Structures are given as C-alpha cells and as structure tokens.
Amino acid sequence: MVTGGLEKELGDLIVKICNVSNPIPDALLPDAPLIGPDSPLGLDSLDAVEIVVAVQKEYGVHIDAQETGRRVLESLRTLADFIRRQSKAER
C-alpha cells in the first residue's frame, strides 16, 4: 500500500480527479498499473487524460507525446519518478 511521499500524494490526487467512488484499495501499490484492466482503480484512457492535465497543472511538469505518457502513467512510482526528474531538470 502507498503510505507516504509523492506516490501517496499522487494517489490521492488521482482518486479525487477521476472520481474513484471507492476508497483507495489496499492493492494500490506504488508499482500497480494505473490505467487499464489490471488497474486496482479501474481507470481508462479518458482518466489518463485527466491525470495528465491535473499533474501538469499541479506540479508544473509537461508530459508530452503519447508514448512518453504511457510510460509515465504505468504506475504511481513511474509518475512520481518522472515528476522528480522534471523538477531536478528545471533547477
């Protein structure tokens, strides 16, 4: 389960913006798939667009190109790592 840090913050943001009606499941590990049939949150490609927009707005990063977006949105960990890398690159 995601217990703290950026991954937890992102999990909370995703639950809020994607209107996940159920609480975050215990199965939501940092490496669990975010999008698709294996996602514990049941998120789809439309949710992915909402996540990208919210993350870009909230964290001031830019997620470009569909292929980059897919890699970044694989899991909470890949998304958090992307944000950390982008934040360091801007310094």
N, C-alpha and C. Protein backbone atom coordinates (compact mmCIF):
# COMPACT_ATOMS: atom_id res chain seq x y z
N MET A 1 0.83 -1.19 0.00
CA MET A 1 0.00 0.00 0.00
C MET A 1 0.88 1.25 0.00
N VAL A 2 0.41 2.28 -0.66
CA VAL A 2 1.13 3.55 -0.71
C VAL A 2 0.92 4.25 0.62
N THR A 3 2.02 4.51 1.34
CA THR A 3 1.87 5.06 2.68
C THR A 3 2.28 6.52 2.82
N GLY A 4 3.13 7.02 1.96
CA GLY A 4 3.55 8.40 2.13
C GLY A 4 4.31 8.92 0.93
N GLY A 5 4.72 10.16 1.02
CA GLY A 5 5.53 10.75 -0.03
C GLY A 5 4.73 11.14 -1.25
N LEU A 6 5.47 11.37 -2.32
CA LEU A 6 4.87 11.84 -3.57
C LEU A 6 3.88 10.81 -4.14
N GLU A 7 4.20 9.53 -4.02
CA GLU A 7 3.31 8.50 -4.54
C GLU A 7 1.93 8.57 -3.86
N LYS A 8 1.92 8.77 -2.55
CA LYS A 8 0.66 8.89 -1.80
C LYS A 8 -0.10 10.13 -2.25
N GLU A 9 0.63 11.23 -2.39
CA GLU A 9 0.03 12.49 -2.83
C GLU A 9 -0.61 12.32 -4.22
N LEU A 10 0.10 11.64 -5.11
CA LEU A 10 -0.43 11.41 -6.45
C LEU A 10 -1.64 10.49 -6.42
N GLY A 11 -1.59 9.46 -5.58
CA GLY A 11 -2.72 8.56 -5.44
C GLY A 11 -3.97 9.30 -5.00
N ASP A 12 -3.80 10.19 -4.02
CA ASP A 12 -4.93 10.98 -3.54
C ASP A 12 -5.47 11.91 -4.63
N LEU A 13 -4.56 12.54 -5.39
CA LEU A 13 -4.96 13.43 -6.48
C LEU A 13 -5.75 12.66 -7.54
N ILE A 14 -5.25 11.49 -7.90
CA ILE A 14 -5.90 10.68 -8.93
C ILE A 14 -7.28 10.23 -8.48
N VAL A 15 -7.39 9.79 -7.24
CA VAL A 15 -8.70 9.37 -6.71
C VAL A 15 -9.68 10.54 -6.79
N LYS A 16 -9.21 11.74 -6.46
CA LYS A 16 -10.07 12.92 -6.47
C LYS A 16 -10.49 13.31 -7.89
N ILE A 17 -9.53 13.46 -8.80
CA ILE A 17 -9.87 13.96 -10.13
C ILE A 17 -10.60 12.94 -10.99
N CYS A 18 -10.38 11.67 -10.71
CA CYS A 18 -11.04 10.62 -11.51
C CYS A 18 -12.32 10.12 -10.85
N ASN A 19 -12.70 10.76 -9.76
CA ASN A 19 -13.93 10.42 -9.05
C ASN A 19 -14.03 8.93 -8.73
N VAL A 20 -12.95 8.39 -8.20
CA VAL A 20 -12.96 6.99 -7.78
C VAL A 20 -13.88 6.91 -6.58
N SER A 21 -14.98 6.18 -6.73
CA SER A 21 -16.00 6.17 -5.69
C SER A 21 -15.60 5.35 -4.46
N ASN A 22 -14.81 4.35 -4.67
CA ASN A 22 -14.39 3.51 -3.55
C ASN A 22 -13.09 4.06 -2.98
N PRO A 23 -12.82 3.80 -1.71
CA PRO A 23 -11.53 4.23 -1.16
C PRO A 23 -10.38 3.54 -1.91
N ILE A 24 -9.20 4.13 -1.81
CA ILE A 24 -8.05 3.51 -2.48
C ILE A 24 -7.89 2.10 -1.93
N PRO A 25 -7.89 1.11 -2.82
CA PRO A 25 -7.77 -0.27 -2.34
C PRO A 25 -6.38 -0.54 -1.77
N ASP A 26 -6.33 -1.49 -0.85
CA ASP A 26 -5.04 -1.89 -0.28
C ASP A 26 -4.10 -2.41 -1.35
N ALA A 27 -4.68 -2.87 -2.47
CA ALA A 27 -3.87 -3.41 -3.56
C ALA A 27 -3.16 -2.33 -4.36
N LEU A 28 -3.42 -1.07 -4.05
CA LEU A 28 -2.77 0.00 -4.79
C LEU A 28 -1.35 0.19 -4.28
N LEU A 29 -0.45 -0.55 -4.86
CA LEU A 29 0.96 -0.47 -4.53
C LEU A 29 1.61 0.55 -5.47
N PRO A 30 2.75 1.08 -5.11
CA PRO A 30 3.41 2.06 -5.98
C PRO A 30 3.67 1.55 -7.39
N ASP A 31 3.81 0.23 -7.54
CA ASP A 31 4.08 -0.34 -8.86
C ASP A 31 2.85 -0.95 -9.53
N ALA A 32 1.67 -0.80 -8.93
CA ALA A 32 0.44 -1.32 -9.53
C ALA A 32 0.09 -0.50 -10.77
N PRO A 33 -0.45 -1.15 -11.80
CA PRO A 33 -0.83 -0.42 -13.02
C PRO A 33 -1.87 0.65 -12.71
N LEU A 34 -1.68 1.84 -13.26
CA LEU A 34 -2.64 2.92 -13.06
C LEU A 34 -3.83 2.83 -14.01
N ILE A 35 -3.55 2.50 -15.26
CA ILE A 35 -4.55 2.54 -16.32
C ILE A 35 -4.75 1.14 -16.89
N GLY A 36 -5.98 0.82 -17.25
CA GLY A 36 -6.26 -0.43 -17.93
C GLY A 36 -6.96 -1.45 -17.06
N PRO A 37 -7.17 -2.62 -17.62
CA PRO A 37 -7.95 -3.65 -16.93
C PRO A 37 -7.30 -4.18 -15.66
N ASP A 38 -5.98 -4.03 -15.54
CA ASP A 38 -5.29 -4.51 -14.34
C ASP A 38 -5.19 -3.45 -13.25
N SER A 39 -5.69 -2.26 -13.51
CA SER A 39 -5.62 -1.18 -12.53
C SER A 39 -6.56 -1.44 -11.37
N PRO A 40 -6.05 -1.39 -10.13
CA PRO A 40 -6.94 -1.56 -8.99
C PRO A 40 -7.98 -0.45 -8.87
N LEU A 41 -7.73 0.68 -9.55
CA LEU A 41 -8.68 1.79 -9.52
C LEU A 41 -9.68 1.74 -10.67
N GLY A 42 -9.46 0.84 -11.63
CA GLY A 42 -10.37 0.72 -12.77
C GLY A 42 -10.33 1.92 -13.70
N LEU A 43 -9.17 2.53 -13.89
CA LEU A 43 -9.05 3.73 -14.72
C LEU A 43 -8.84 3.36 -16.19
N ASP A 44 -9.36 4.24 -17.07
CA ASP A 44 -9.23 4.01 -18.51
C ASP A 44 -8.50 5.17 -19.17
N SER A 45 -8.49 5.18 -20.50
CA SER A 45 -7.73 6.19 -21.24
C SER A 45 -8.27 7.61 -21.03
N LEU A 46 -9.56 7.75 -20.82
CA LEU A 46 -10.10 9.08 -20.53
C LEU A 46 -9.61 9.59 -19.18
N ASP A 47 -9.51 8.68 -18.23
CA ASP A 47 -8.94 9.04 -16.93
C ASP A 47 -7.48 9.46 -17.09
N ALA A 48 -6.76 8.79 -17.99
CA ALA A 48 -5.35 9.12 -18.23
C ALA A 48 -5.20 10.57 -18.66
N VAL A 49 -6.10 11.03 -19.52
CA VAL A 49 -6.05 12.42 -19.98
C VAL A 49 -6.27 13.36 -18.80
N GLU A 50 -7.23 13.05 -17.96
CA GLU A 50 -7.49 13.88 -16.78
C GLU A 50 -6.29 13.90 -15.84
N ILE A 51 -5.64 12.76 -15.68
CA ILE A 51 -4.46 12.68 -14.82
C ILE A 51 -3.34 13.55 -15.37
N VAL A 52 -3.09 13.45 -16.67
CA VAL A 52 -2.02 14.24 -17.30
C VAL A 52 -2.27 15.73 -17.09
N VAL A 53 -3.48 16.17 -17.35
CA VAL A 53 -3.81 17.60 -17.19
C VAL A 53 -3.63 18.04 -15.74
N ALA A 54 -4.12 17.25 -14.80
CA ALA A 54 -4.03 17.61 -13.39
C ALA A 54 -2.58 17.63 -12.90
N VAL A 55 -1.80 16.64 -13.31
CA VAL A 55 -0.39 16.56 -12.88
C VAL A 55 0.39 17.74 -13.46
N GLN A 56 0.16 18.05 -14.72
CA GLN A 56 0.86 19.18 -15.34
C GLN A 56 0.53 20.48 -14.62
N LYS A 57 -0.73 20.64 -14.26
CA LYS A 57 -1.16 21.85 -13.57
C LYS A 57 -0.62 21.90 -12.14
N GLU A 58 -0.73 20.81 -11.43
CA GLU A 58 -0.34 20.76 -10.02
C GLU A 58 1.17 20.83 -9.80
N TYR A 59 1.93 20.15 -10.66
CA TYR A 59 3.37 20.02 -10.44
C TYR A 59 4.23 20.81 -11.43
N GLY A 60 3.60 21.47 -12.39
CA GLY A 60 4.34 22.29 -13.34
C GLY A 60 5.27 21.52 -14.25
N VAL A 61 4.93 20.28 -14.52
CA VAL A 61 5.72 19.46 -15.45
C VAL A 61 4.95 19.32 -16.75
N HIS A 62 5.65 18.90 -17.79
CA HIS A 62 4.99 18.70 -19.08
C HIS A 62 5.15 17.25 -19.50
N ILE A 63 4.02 16.59 -19.69
CA ILE A 63 4.03 15.20 -20.17
C ILE A 63 3.65 15.27 -21.64
N ASP A 64 4.62 15.01 -22.51
CA ASP A 64 4.37 15.14 -23.94
C ASP A 64 4.25 13.77 -24.60
N ALA A 65 3.87 13.78 -25.82
CA ALA A 65 3.79 12.60 -26.69
C ALA A 65 3.09 11.41 -26.02
N GLN A 66 2.32 10.75 -26.81
CA GLN A 66 1.53 9.62 -26.31
C GLN A 66 2.43 8.53 -25.73
N GLU A 67 3.54 8.22 -26.37
CA GLU A 67 4.40 7.15 -25.89
C GLU A 67 5.03 7.50 -24.54
N THR A 68 5.47 8.73 -24.38
CA THR A 68 6.02 9.17 -23.09
C THR A 68 4.93 9.08 -22.02
N GLY A 69 3.72 9.54 -22.36
CA GLY A 69 2.61 9.48 -21.43
C GLY A 69 2.32 8.07 -20.96
N ARG A 70 2.38 7.13 -21.86
CA ARG A 70 2.13 5.73 -21.47
C ARG A 70 3.16 5.24 -20.48
N ARG A 71 4.42 5.55 -20.73
CA ARG A 71 5.48 5.11 -19.81
C ARG A 71 5.35 5.80 -18.46
N VAL A 72 5.06 7.08 -18.48
CA VAL A 72 4.94 7.86 -17.24
C VAL A 72 3.76 7.37 -16.41
N LEU A 73 2.67 6.99 -17.06
CA LEU A 73 1.45 6.59 -16.34
C LEU A 73 1.36 5.09 -16.07
N GLU A 74 2.48 4.40 -16.15
CA GLU A 74 2.44 2.96 -15.86
C GLU A 74 2.03 2.69 -14.42
N SER A 75 2.54 3.50 -13.50
CA SER A 75 2.26 3.28 -12.07
C SER A 75 2.47 4.58 -11.32
N LEU A 76 2.11 4.58 -10.05
CA LEU A 76 2.37 5.75 -9.22
C LEU A 76 3.87 6.02 -9.12
N ARG A 77 4.65 4.95 -9.07
CA ARG A 77 6.11 5.11 -8.96
C ARG A 77 6.69 5.76 -10.22
N THR A 78 6.27 5.30 -11.41
CA THR A 78 6.82 5.89 -12.64
C THR A 78 6.39 7.34 -12.78
N LEU A 79 5.18 7.65 -12.36
CA LEU A 79 4.70 9.03 -12.42
C LEU A 79 5.48 9.91 -11.43
N ALA A 80 5.66 9.44 -10.22
CA ALA A 80 6.42 10.19 -9.21
C ALA A 80 7.87 10.38 -9.65
N ASP A 81 8.48 9.33 -10.20
CA ASP A 81 9.86 9.43 -10.67
C ASP A 81 9.98 10.46 -11.79
N PHE A 82 9.01 10.49 -12.69
CA PHE A 82 9.02 11.46 -13.78
C PHE A 82 8.96 12.88 -13.22
N ILE A 83 8.07 13.11 -12.27
CA ILE A 83 7.93 14.44 -11.67
C ILE A 83 9.24 14.84 -10.98
N ARG A 84 9.84 13.91 -10.26
CA ARG A 84 11.11 14.22 -9.58
C ARG A 84 12.20 14.57 -10.59
N ARG A 85 12.30 13.80 -11.69
CA ARG A 85 13.31 14.09 -12.71
C ARG A 85 13.07 15.44 -13.36
N GLN A 86 11.81 15.75 -13.68
CA GLN A 86 11.50 17.02 -14.32
C GLN A 86 11.80 18.19 -13.38
N SER A 87 11.50 18.00 -12.11
CA SER A 87 11.74 19.07 -11.14
C SER A 87 13.23 19.34 -11.00
N LYS A 88 14.05 18.30 -11.00
CA LYS A 88 15.50 18.48 -10.91
C LYS A 88 16.05 19.12 -12.17
N ALA A 89 15.50 18.76 -13.32
CA ALA A 89 15.98 19.30 -14.60
C ALA A 89 15.72 20.79 -14.71
N GLU A 90 14.68 21.28 -14.04
CA GLU A 90 14.34 22.69 -14.11
C GLU A 90 15.18 23.55 -13.18
N ARG A 91 15.91 22.94 -12.28
CA ARG A 91 16.73 23.71 -11.32
C ARG A 91 18.00 24.20 -11.95
